[in-house]
């Protein structure tokens, strides 16, 4: 594959590429035409090479089309449309954005921010078609770029006060799209229903880029909505969808009300990524939809996928994220790059064509996280004799209770075994003598009830005493970031425990 544009050109021109839940659709022939017109328009606007173009649009087919059309020609940086003016100001300055693409008629504080920063703004018409991506004066036409040119820039949520900028090249994106499509055995007959945000690596790579790599179709929703999910399932008849565990839990919570819709599905598989999927949720999804759940392990720095459980007839191991699915994956000592033996816990490290070579303008993080060609993920894990990886925690999320280390995921797994508990999230609480203690948020199943002391007693029978949560907070939902991901760091402050 020479570049991303060649990817689109390799599919059948008449096949549907990107559609909306409202029924609008474009085929691959139109997608190529849109991308070429967008390339010309960007060139006329002075954009080429690794110039940076921010995109602020709501989830949907227009966002997917704009991303797919712009990414062959420049460094695209999709931003969360829900950001405040201050957040837009920070991210646009950090990106040093050369141009901003926004949805026509979408009222957003980014417009005033970009104007104040002197960043040129182009409004893209919501009508799907090549004319919507034609802009700028007459002049130069597009020039194809190399595989090493930056195609996508995303900020990591991370645990530091300042997000890190991850540059992903065309090579990174194409390698990851191929890895995902190969793992999921995607063909041109597949149809993905996208519920993930399109400013996030998960949404951009699995539903969009892997689908386009396979010459298949993706239908884009306005964003995740558990109330509308089963209706979309009926209306679009997808063969797969990909989501984070919190979304799967919300879908599962509404399964009893939508049994007929669930029974009518033609899902070939369901994919889960971006966080650990509790085994009870995996089992519940498979029972509800009568299909295989594929759990993957992913990260922005790897252009999404690193490991994945395979489809039948290959073995799937619930509780693991599967074997390496594209890049090389090893378990290393946490202090030096020294590989561990199967069964030994350590830090998960990776390298491969889908992995970025380093952060932008962050030499300190690059020196720490990129060692001898390997990227240190910051995740703890164990690899078994067959290469299947179990993620056991996050180095910075490990709770240090007076020198005793506690993995939040271990406590979560125990709490989720309680029949009344639907969701659980364990995190560190500051403690004046121990440094940190254990806290957990618990979401109780509909129609059930359970008290704090009962949960602690249940945990005490299954965990060492120092791992039992000192504080248990009952909420209707676990607080999440904009991508639906649970952020344990700082959770105690967010819910008012400190």
Protein backbone atom coordinates (compact mmCIF):
# COMPACT_ATOMS: atom_id res chain seq x y z
CA UNK A 1 0.00 0.00 0.00
CA UNK A 2 1.64 3.25 -1.14
CA UNK A 3 -0.46 5.59 0.98
CA UNK A 4 -3.93 6.06 2.45
CA UNK A 5 -5.47 7.28 -0.82
CA UNK A 6 -4.41 4.03 -2.52
CA UNK A 7 -6.32 2.22 0.23
CA UNK A 8 -9.62 3.77 -0.90
CA UNK A 9 -8.78 3.28 -4.57
CA UNK A 10 -8.37 -0.47 -4.03
CA UNK A 11 -12.03 -1.03 -3.10
CA UNK A 12 -14.99 -1.50 -5.45
CA UNK A 13 -16.17 1.96 -6.58
CA UNK A 14 -19.85 1.01 -6.24
CA UNK A 15 -19.54 -0.44 -2.70
CA UNK A 16 -20.88 1.72 0.15
CA UNK A 17 -18.05 3.12 2.24
CA UNK A 18 -19.55 5.49 4.83
CA UNK A 19 -23.21 5.89 5.78
CA UNK A 20 -25.30 7.65 8.42
CA UNK A 21 -28.09 6.17 10.55
CA UNK A 22 -30.42 8.57 8.72
CA UNK A 23 -29.73 6.70 5.47
CA UNK A 24 -27.30 8.98 3.62
CA UNK A 25 -24.35 7.10 2.13
CA UNK A 26 -21.33 7.48 -0.13
CA UNK A 27 -19.58 4.75 -2.09
CA UNK A 28 -15.84 4.27 -2.52
CA UNK A 29 -15.82 6.05 -5.87
CA UNK A 30 -17.25 9.16 -4.22
CA UNK A 31 -14.89 8.79 -1.26
CA UNK A 32 -11.88 8.86 -3.61
CA UNK A 33 -13.33 11.89 -5.38
CA UNK A 34 -13.92 13.65 -2.04
CA UNK A 35 -10.38 12.89 -0.89
CA UNK A 36 -8.89 14.20 -4.14
CA UNK A 37 -10.96 17.41 -4.00
CA UNK A 38 -10.03 17.85 -0.34
CA UNK A 39 -6.36 17.38 -1.22
CA UNK A 40 -6.60 20.07 -3.89
CA UNK A 41 -8.47 22.37 -1.51
CA UNK A 42 -5.89 21.94 1.24
CA UNK A 43 -3.07 22.61 -1.22
CA UNK A 44 -4.80 25.79 -2.39
CA UNK A 45 -5.06 26.79 1.28
CA UNK A 46 -1.31 26.36 1.71
CA UNK A 47 -1.51 23.03 3.54
CA UNK A 48 0.92 20.25 2.68
CA UNK A 49 3.43 17.82 4.18
CA UNK A 50 3.14 17.67 7.96
CA UNK A 51 1.03 20.85 8.32
CA UNK A 52 -1.55 20.46 11.06
CA UNK A 53 -5.29 20.69 10.45
CA UNK A 54 -7.66 20.56 13.43
CA UNK A 55 -11.16 19.16 12.90
CA UNK A 56 -14.06 20.01 15.21
CA UNK A 57 -17.26 18.20 14.23
CA UNK A 58 -19.99 16.24 15.89
CA UNK A 59 -19.96 12.45 15.61
CA UNK A 60 -21.43 11.19 12.38
CA UNK A 61 -20.84 10.49 8.71
CA UNK A 62 -19.66 14.04 7.91
CA UNK A 63 -16.91 13.78 10.52
CA UNK A 64 -15.90 10.36 9.18
CA UNK A 65 -15.85 11.63 5.58
CA UNK A 66 -13.87 14.74 6.48
CA UNK A 67 -11.30 12.74 8.41
CA UNK A 68 -10.96 10.12 5.66
CA UNK A 69 -10.66 12.82 2.99
CA UNK A 70 -8.10 14.99 4.80
CA UNK A 71 -5.86 12.36 6.37
CA UNK A 72 -3.99 11.45 3.14
CA UNK A 73 -2.76 15.05 2.76
CA UNK A 74 -1.87 16.52 6.15
CA UNK A 75 -1.54 15.90 9.89
CA UNK A 76 -5.17 15.74 11.00
CA UNK A 77 -6.01 16.54 14.63
CA UNK A 78 -9.64 15.78 15.58
CA UNK A 79 -10.74 17.58 18.76
CA UNK A 80 -13.64 16.84 21.10
CA UNK A 81 -16.51 19.15 20.02
CA UNK A 82 -17.65 19.37 23.66
CA UNK A 83 -14.49 21.20 24.77
CA UNK A 84 -14.82 24.57 26.45
CA UNK A 85 -13.25 27.75 25.03
CA UNK A 86 -10.30 27.39 27.43
CA UNK A 87 -9.72 23.80 26.34
CA UNK A 88 -9.88 24.71 22.65
CA UNK A 89 -7.43 27.54 23.31
CA UNK A 90 -4.99 25.12 24.96
CA UNK A 91 -5.21 22.39 22.33
CA UNK A 92 -5.06 24.66 19.28
CA UNK A 93 -2.01 26.44 20.73
CA UNK A 94 -0.34 23.14 21.65
CA UNK A 95 -0.99 21.78 18.15
CA UNK A 96 0.16 25.00 16.49
CA UNK A 97 -2.74 24.35 14.13
CA UNK A 98 -2.41 25.77 10.61
CA UNK A 99 -6.09 25.39 9.69
CA UNK A 100 -9.40 24.50 11.32
CA UNK A 101 -12.18 22.50 9.64
CA UNK A 102 -15.61 22.79 11.26
CA UNK A 103 -19.12 21.62 10.46
CA UNK A 104 -21.15 24.35 8.78
CA UNK A 105 -23.81 25.74 11.10
CA UNK A 106 -22.33 24.12 14.22
CA UNK A 107 -22.15 26.74 16.97
CA UNK A 108 -18.99 26.14 18.96
CA UNK A 109 -16.64 28.27 21.07
CA UNK A 110 -13.81 27.00 18.83
CA UNK A 111 -14.85 29.55 16.19
CA UNK A 112 -14.08 32.55 18.42
CA UNK A 113 -10.95 30.88 19.80
CA UNK A 114 -9.56 30.18 16.32
CA UNK A 115 -10.35 33.74 15.25
CA UNK A 116 -8.53 35.16 18.28
CA UNK A 117 -5.52 32.93 17.52
CA UNK A 118 -5.49 33.93 13.86
CA UNK A 119 -6.20 30.39 12.65
CA UNK A 120 -8.06 30.23 9.36
CA UNK A 121 -11.40 28.39 9.61
CA UNK A 122 -13.15 26.48 6.82
CA UNK A 123 -16.78 25.39 7.19
CA UNK A 124 -17.60 22.01 5.62
CA UNK A 125 -21.16 21.58 4.37
CA UNK A 126 -23.10 18.73 5.93
CA UNK A 127 -24.25 17.38 2.54
CA UNK A 128 -22.31 14.21 1.80
CA UNK A 129 -20.55 14.61 -1.52
CA UNK A 130 -17.38 15.89 -3.09
CA UNK A 131 -18.55 19.50 -3.36
CA UNK A 132 -18.70 19.79 0.42
CA UNK A 133 -14.95 19.29 0.63
CA UNK A 134 -14.06 21.82 -2.05
CA UNK A 135 -12.77 25.11 -0.66
CA UNK A 136 -10.01 27.68 -1.05
CA UNK A 137 -8.96 29.84 -4.03
CA UNK A 138 -7.81 28.53 -7.41
CA UNK A 139 -4.17 27.54 -7.49
CA UNK A 140 -1.97 24.60 -6.63
CA UNK A 141 -3.18 21.01 -6.63
CA UNK A 142 -2.44 18.19 -4.25
CA UNK A 143 0.86 16.36 -3.92
CA UNK A 144 1.04 12.80 -2.63
CA UNK A 145 3.01 12.30 0.55
CA UNK A 146 5.22 9.50 1.82
CA UNK A 147 4.31 6.82 4.33
CA UNK A 148 6.51 8.56 6.90
CA UNK A 149 4.50 11.79 6.81
CA UNK A 150 2.36 12.44 9.89
CA UNK A 151 -1.29 11.60 9.22
CA UNK A 152 -2.88 11.93 12.66
CA UNK A 153 -2.08 13.78 15.88
CA UNK A 154 -3.91 12.92 19.08
CA UNK A 155 -3.42 13.99 22.68
CA UNK A 156 -3.20 11.22 25.24
CA UNK A 157 -5.42 11.58 28.29
CA UNK A 158 -2.55 10.25 30.40
CA UNK A 159 -1.92 10.80 34.09
CA UNK A 160 0.20 13.93 33.79
CA UNK A 161 -1.13 17.47 34.02
CA UNK A 162 -0.11 18.12 30.42
CA UNK A 163 -1.39 15.70 27.74
CA UNK A 164 1.24 14.28 25.39
CA UNK A 165 0.94 14.76 21.62
CA UNK A 166 1.14 11.49 19.69
CA UNK A 167 2.08 11.76 15.99
CA UNK A 168 0.97 8.78 13.88
CA UNK A 169 2.28 8.41 10.34
CA UNK A 170 0.47 7.05 7.31
CA UNK A 171 2.54 3.90 7.83
CA UNK A 172 1.33 3.62 11.45
CA UNK A 173 -2.33 3.97 10.43
CA UNK A 174 -2.13 1.56 7.51
CA UNK A 175 -0.29 -1.05 9.59
CA UNK A 176 -2.85 -0.81 12.39
CA UNK A 177 -5.82 -0.90 10.01
CA UNK A 178 -4.38 -4.03 8.43
CA UNK A 179 -3.76 -5.60 11.86
CA UNK A 180 -7.33 -4.96 13.00
CA UNK A 181 -8.90 -6.09 9.72
CA UNK A 182 -6.80 -9.26 9.77
CA UNK A 183 -7.61 -10.09 13.41
CA UNK A 184 -11.34 -9.62 12.82
CA UNK A 185 -11.21 -11.35 9.41
CA UNK A 186 -13.04 -8.39 7.85
CA UNK A 187 -14.21 -8.65 4.25
CA UNK A 188 -16.07 -6.34 1.89
CA UNK A 189 -19.30 -7.99 3.09
CA UNK A 190 -18.91 -6.71 6.63
CA UNK A 191 -20.82 -3.76 8.04
CA UNK A 192 -19.73 -1.89 11.18
CA UNK A 193 -22.02 0.21 13.38
CA UNK A 194 -19.86 2.94 14.89
CA UNK A 195 -20.85 4.18 18.36
CA UNK A 196 -17.40 5.42 19.36
CA UNK A 197 -16.42 9.12 19.31
CA UNK A 198 -14.45 10.06 16.20
CA UNK A 199 -11.97 12.27 18.05
CA UNK A 200 -10.62 9.11 19.73
CA UNK A 201 -8.17 6.52 18.39
CA UNK A 202 -10.61 3.66 19.03
CA UNK A 203 -13.35 5.19 16.86
CA UNK A 204 -11.00 6.37 14.13
CA UNK A 205 -9.04 3.15 13.72
CA UNK A 206 -11.34 0.17 14.33
CA UNK A 207 -14.72 1.23 12.87
CA UNK A 208 -13.36 3.66 10.25
CA UNK A 209 -9.84 2.79 9.03
CA UNK A 210 -10.07 -1.01 9.46
CA UNK A 211 -13.42 -0.97 7.66
CA UNK A 212 -12.00 1.07 4.77
CA UNK A 213 -8.97 -1.23 4.64
CA UNK A 214 -11.35 -4.16 4.08
CA UNK A 215 -13.41 -2.31 1.47
CA UNK A 216 -16.42 -2.70 3.77
CA UNK A 217 -19.11 -0.30 5.06
CA UNK A 218 -19.38 1.68 8.29
CA UNK A 219 -22.58 3.37 9.49
CA UNK A 220 -21.89 6.30 11.80
CA UNK A 221 -24.18 7.22 14.69
CA UNK A 222 -24.37 10.66 16.34
CA UNK A 223 -22.57 9.10 19.31
CA UNK A 224 -23.24 6.35 21.82
CA UNK A 225 -26.81 6.21 23.12
CA UNK A 226 -27.93 3.08 24.99
CA UNK A 227 -31.60 4.07 24.49
CA UNK A 228 -31.21 4.13 20.69
CA UNK A 229 -28.69 1.32 20.26
CA UNK A 230 -31.17 -1.52 19.70
CA UNK A 231 -33.12 0.59 17.21
CA UNK A 232 -29.91 1.23 15.26
CA UNK A 233 -29.17 -2.48 15.41
CA UNK A 234 -32.53 -3.23 13.76
CA UNK A 235 -32.30 -0.43 11.20
CA UNK A 236 -28.73 -1.01 9.99
CA UNK A 237 -28.17 -4.79 10.50
CA UNK A 238 -24.41 -4.55 11.21
CA UNK A 239 -22.11 -7.56 11.35
CA UNK A 240 -20.08 -6.02 14.18
CA UNK A 241 -19.56 -3.07 16.46
CA UNK A 242 -16.71 -1.99 18.73
CA UNK A 243 -17.09 -0.20 22.07
CA UNK A 244 -15.50 0.38 25.47
CA UNK A 245 -16.60 -1.77 28.45
CA UNK A 246 -18.79 0.96 30.00
CA UNK A 247 -20.79 1.15 26.75
CA UNK A 248 -21.15 -2.64 26.64
CA UNK A 249 -22.42 -2.58 30.23
CA UNK A 250 -25.04 0.04 29.33
CA UNK A 251 -26.13 -2.02 26.30
CA UNK A 252 -26.38 -5.13 28.46
CA UNK A 253 -28.41 -3.27 31.09
CA UNK A 254 -31.14 -2.66 28.48
CA UNK A 255 -31.09 -6.16 27.00
CA UNK A 256 -34.21 -7.44 28.82
CA UNK A 257 -36.26 -4.56 27.38
CA UNK A 258 -35.01 -5.33 23.86
CA UNK A 259 -34.97 -9.10 23.65
CA UNK A 260 -36.65 -9.29 20.25
CA UNK A 261 -34.20 -6.82 18.72
CA UNK A 262 -31.24 -8.65 20.27
CA UNK A 263 -32.53 -11.95 18.88
CA UNK A 264 -32.85 -10.51 15.35
CA UNK A 265 -29.23 -9.31 15.17
CA UNK A 266 -26.82 -10.59 12.52
CA UNK A 267 -23.66 -9.73 14.46
CA UNK A 268 -20.72 -11.91 13.49
CA UNK A 269 -18.84 -10.72 16.58
CA UNK A 270 -18.71 -7.89 19.12
CA UNK A 271 -15.41 -6.12 19.84
CA UNK A 272 -14.34 -4.54 23.14
CA UNK A 273 -11.27 -2.38 23.70
CA UNK A 274 -9.69 0.58 25.56
CA UNK A 275 -10.17 -0.93 29.04
CA UNK A 276 -10.49 -4.31 30.72
CA UNK A 277 -13.82 -6.05 30.03
CA UNK A 278 -15.24 -7.80 33.12
CA UNK A 279 -15.85 -11.49 32.39
CA UNK A 280 -19.51 -11.30 33.57
CA UNK A 281 -20.13 -8.58 30.98
CA UNK A 282 -18.43 -10.66 28.26
CA UNK A 283 -20.59 -13.66 29.16
CA UNK A 284 -23.73 -11.52 29.27
CA UNK A 285 -23.08 -10.06 25.81
CA UNK A 286 -22.48 -13.48 24.30
CA UNK A 287 -25.65 -14.87 25.87
CA UNK A 288 -27.72 -11.84 24.78
CA UNK A 289 -26.54 -11.62 21.18
CA UNK A 290 -25.53 -15.23 20.54
CA UNK A 291 -22.14 -14.28 19.13
CA UNK A 292 -18.46 -14.15 20.09
CA UNK A 293 -17.02 -11.21 22.01
CA UNK A 294 -13.48 -10.28 20.95
CA UNK A 295 -11.53 -8.39 23.61
CA UNK A 296 -8.59 -6.33 22.34
CA UNK A 297 -5.85 -4.29 24.01
CA UNK A 298 -5.08 -0.92 22.52
CA UNK A 299 -3.32 2.40 23.00
CA UNK A 300 -3.00 5.68 21.09
CA UNK A 301 0.79 5.29 20.77
CA UNK A 302 0.21 2.01 18.89
CA UNK A 303 -2.38 3.53 16.53
CA UNK A 304 -4.86 1.49 18.58
CA UNK A 305 -4.51 -2.33 18.54
CA UNK A 306 -1.68 -4.22 20.27
CA UNK A 307 -3.21 -7.56 21.32
CA UNK A 308 -6.51 -9.26 20.59
CA UNK A 309 -8.33 -12.46 21.34
CA UNK A 310 -8.94 -14.27 18.04
CA UNK A 311 -12.14 -15.45 16.42
CA UNK A 312 -13.13 -19.15 16.32
CA UNK A 313 -11.84 -21.72 15.76
CA UNK A 314 -8.78 -20.23 17.50
CA UNK A 315 -8.77 -20.25 21.28
CA UNK A 316 -10.23 -17.32 23.20
CA UNK A 317 -9.24 -16.86 26.85
CA UNK A 318 -11.70 -14.72 28.85
CA UNK A 319 -9.87 -12.41 31.24
CA UNK A 320 -6.98 -11.96 28.80
CA UNK A 321 -6.57 -9.51 25.92
CA UNK A 322 -5.24 -12.30 23.72
CA UNK A 323 -1.85 -12.65 22.03
CA UNK A 324 0.04 -10.00 20.05
CA UNK A 325 -2.10 -8.86 17.11
CA UNK A 326 0.28 -6.91 14.89
CA UNK A 327 3.20 -5.50 16.86
CA UNK A 328 5.75 -7.44 18.90
CA UNK A 329 4.70 -7.65 22.57
CA UNK A 330 6.90 -8.53 25.53
CA UNK A 331 6.79 -8.35 29.33
CA UNK A 332 9.74 -6.42 30.74
CA UNK A 333 11.20 -5.55 34.10
CA UNK A 334 9.63 -2.28 35.24
CA UNK A 335 12.95 -0.49 35.76
CA UNK A 336 15.12 -1.71 32.86
CA UNK A 337 14.36 -3.24 29.45
CA UNK A 338 14.84 -6.88 30.39
CA UNK A 339 12.27 -9.42 29.21
CA UNK A 340 10.50 -11.64 31.75
CA UNK A 341 9.67 -15.32 31.49
CA UNK A 342 6.08 -16.53 30.86
CA UNK A 343 4.00 -16.25 34.02
CA UNK A 344 6.07 -13.40 35.47
CA UNK A 345 4.46 -9.99 35.93
CA UNK A 346 6.10 -6.90 34.47
CA UNK A 347 5.56 -3.92 32.21
CA UNK A 348 4.06 -4.52 28.78
CA UNK A 349 6.36 -3.22 26.02
CA UNK A 350 5.78 -3.16 22.26
CA UNK A 351 7.37 -2.33 18.93
CA UNK A 352 6.20 -2.51 15.34
CA UNK A 353 5.15 -0.56 12.25
CA UNK A 354 1.97 0.65 13.94
CA UNK A 355 3.87 2.22 16.87
CA UNK A 356 4.77 5.92 16.94
CA UNK A 357 8.46 6.79 17.14
CA UNK A 358 7.99 9.39 19.87
CA UNK A 359 5.91 12.25 21.23
CA UNK A 360 5.98 15.77 19.79
CA UNK A 361 8.11 18.31 21.72
CA UNK A 362 8.56 16.02 24.73
CA UNK A 363 12.18 14.82 24.96
CA UNK A 364 11.83 13.86 28.63
CA UNK A 365 8.90 11.51 28.00
CA UNK A 366 10.59 10.14 24.87
CA UNK A 367 13.72 9.26 26.81
CA UNK A 368 11.65 7.49 29.46
CA UNK A 369 9.02 5.74 27.33
CA UNK A 370 10.94 4.78 24.16
CA UNK A 371 13.89 2.48 24.87
CA UNK A 372 15.93 0.65 22.22
CA UNK A 373 13.04 0.67 19.77
CA UNK A 374 10.49 -0.51 22.37
CA UNK A 375 7.61 1.58 23.73
CA UNK A 376 6.93 1.22 27.45
CA UNK A 377 3.15 1.17 27.79
CA UNK A 378 3.01 1.84 31.53
CA UNK A 379 0.69 -1.17 31.88
CA UNK A 380 1.45 -4.19 34.04
CA UNK A 381 0.77 -7.62 32.64
CA UNK A 382 1.52 -11.33 32.54
CA UNK A 383 2.05 -13.40 29.38
CA UNK A 384 1.35 -17.13 29.48
CA UNK A 385 3.21 -19.88 27.64
CA UNK A 386 0.99 -19.46 24.56
CA UNK A 387 1.54 -15.70 24.37
CA UNK A 388 -1.84 -14.62 25.76
CA UNK A 389 -1.56 -11.42 27.80
CA UNK A 390 -3.46 -10.53 30.96
CA UNK A 391 -3.37 -6.84 31.86
CA UNK A 392 -3.06 -6.67 35.64
CA UNK A 393 -2.99 -2.93 36.19
CA UNK A 394 -1.50 0.42 35.35
CA UNK A 395 1.83 1.33 36.95
CA UNK A 396 0.58 4.76 38.01
CA UNK A 397 -2.77 3.36 39.17
CA UNK A 398 -1.28 0.82 41.53
CA UNK A 399 -2.37 1.65 45.09
CA UNK A 400 0.57 1.86 47.51
CA UNK A 401 -0.92 1.23 50.95
CA UNK A 402 1.96 1.66 53.36
CA UNK A 403 4.29 -0.23 51.01
CA UNK A 404 1.78 -2.94 50.13
CA UNK A 405 0.87 -2.77 46.42
CA UNK A 406 -2.73 -3.31 45.32
CA UNK A 407 -3.91 -3.70 41.71
CA UNK A 408 -7.32 -1.99 41.28
CA UNK A 409 -8.39 -4.50 38.63
CA UNK A 410 -7.97 -7.38 41.09
CA UNK A 411 -10.34 -5.73 43.56
CA UNK A 412 -12.80 -4.87 40.76
CA UNK A 413 -12.94 -8.51 39.67
CA UNK A 414 -13.81 -9.66 43.19
CA UNK A 415 -16.52 -7.03 43.70
CA UNK A 416 -18.09 -7.89 40.33
CA UNK A 417 -18.57 -11.47 41.52
CA UNK A 418 -21.16 -10.20 44.01
CA UNK A 419 -24.61 -10.95 42.53
CA UNK A 420 -25.97 -7.47 43.39
CA UNK A 421 -23.09 -5.50 41.85
CA UNK A 422 -23.27 -4.42 38.21
CA UNK A 423 -20.16 -2.19 37.94
CA UNK A 424 -17.13 -1.49 40.13
CA UNK A 425 -14.18 0.87 40.04
CA UNK A 426 -11.35 0.72 42.58
CA UNK A 427 -8.93 3.61 43.12
CA UNK A 428 -6.50 5.18 45.56
CA UNK A 429 -7.64 7.42 48.42
CA UNK A 430 -5.01 9.66 50.06
CA UNK A 431 -4.24 8.59 53.64
CA UNK A 432 -2.26 10.63 56.19
CA UNK A 433 -0.34 7.65 57.64
CA UNK A 434 -0.37 4.95 54.92
CA UNK A 435 0.05 7.32 51.98
CA UNK A 436 -2.84 5.67 50.10
CA UNK A 437 -5.78 3.45 50.96
CA UNK A 438 -8.35 1.56 48.90
CA UNK A 439 -11.66 3.00 47.73
CA UNK A 440 -14.29 1.61 45.37
CA UNK A 441 -17.31 2.91 43.51
CA UNK A 442 -20.10 0.37 43.22
CA UNK A 443 -23.10 0.45 40.87
CA UNK A 444 -25.87 -1.87 42.08
CA UNK A 445 -27.92 -3.93 39.64
CA UNK A 446 -31.44 -2.75 38.91
CA UNK A 447 -33.86 -4.17 41.50
CA UNK A 448 -31.06 -5.23 43.88
CA UNK A 449 -29.74 -3.72 47.10
CA UNK A 450 -26.59 -4.20 49.14
CA UNK A 451 -24.98 -2.37 52.08
CA UNK A 452 -21.38 -1.19 52.49
CA UNK A 453 -20.56 -3.66 55.27
CA UNK A 454 -21.95 -6.55 53.24
CA UNK A 455 -19.73 -5.65 50.27
CA UNK A 456 -16.70 -5.36 52.55
CA UNK A 457 -17.51 -8.72 54.17
CA UNK A 458 -17.83 -10.30 50.71
CA UNK A 459 -14.47 -8.83 49.67
CA UNK A 460 -12.79 -9.85 52.93
CA UNK A 461 -13.60 -13.51 52.23
CA UNK A 462 -11.77 -13.31 48.90
CA UNK A 463 -8.99 -10.75 49.38
CA UNK A 464 -6.19 -10.11 51.83
CA UNK A 465 -7.34 -7.66 54.50
CA UNK A 466 -5.18 -4.77 53.18
CA UNK A 467 -6.89 -5.00 49.75
CA UNK A 468 -10.46 -4.63 51.06
CA UNK A 469 -11.89 -1.18 50.20
CA UNK A 470 -12.00 1.12 53.23
CA UNK A 471 -14.48 3.40 51.48
CA UNK A 472 -17.29 2.21 49.23
CA UNK A 473 -19.34 4.80 47.38
CA UNK A 474 -22.66 3.82 45.80
CA UNK A 475 -23.40 5.69 42.57
CA UNK A 476 -25.80 5.23 39.67
CA UNK A 477 -22.90 5.39 37.22
CA UNK A 478 -19.10 5.47 37.33
CA UNK A 479 -17.66 8.88 36.33
CA UNK A 480 -15.96 8.66 32.94
CA UNK A 481 -13.89 10.77 30.59
CA UNK A 482 -15.22 12.08 27.25
CA UNK A 483 -14.38 8.82 25.45
CA UNK A 484 -16.25 6.66 27.96
CA UNK A 485 -13.05 5.53 29.63
CA UNK A 486 -12.79 5.31 33.43
CA UNK A 487 -9.95 7.46 34.80
CA UNK A 488 -8.91 6.11 38.20
CA UNK A 489 -6.22 8.71 38.81
CA UNK A 490 -7.83 11.55 40.77
CA UNK A 491 -11.14 9.69 41.21
CA UNK A 492 -11.21 10.30 44.98
CA UNK A 493 -11.09 14.06 44.37
CA UNK A 494 -13.70 13.94 41.60
CA UNK A 495 -16.31 12.23 43.77
CA UNK A 496 -15.59 14.32 46.87
CA UNK A 497 -13.79 11.82 49.12
CA UNK A 498 -10.94 14.30 49.73
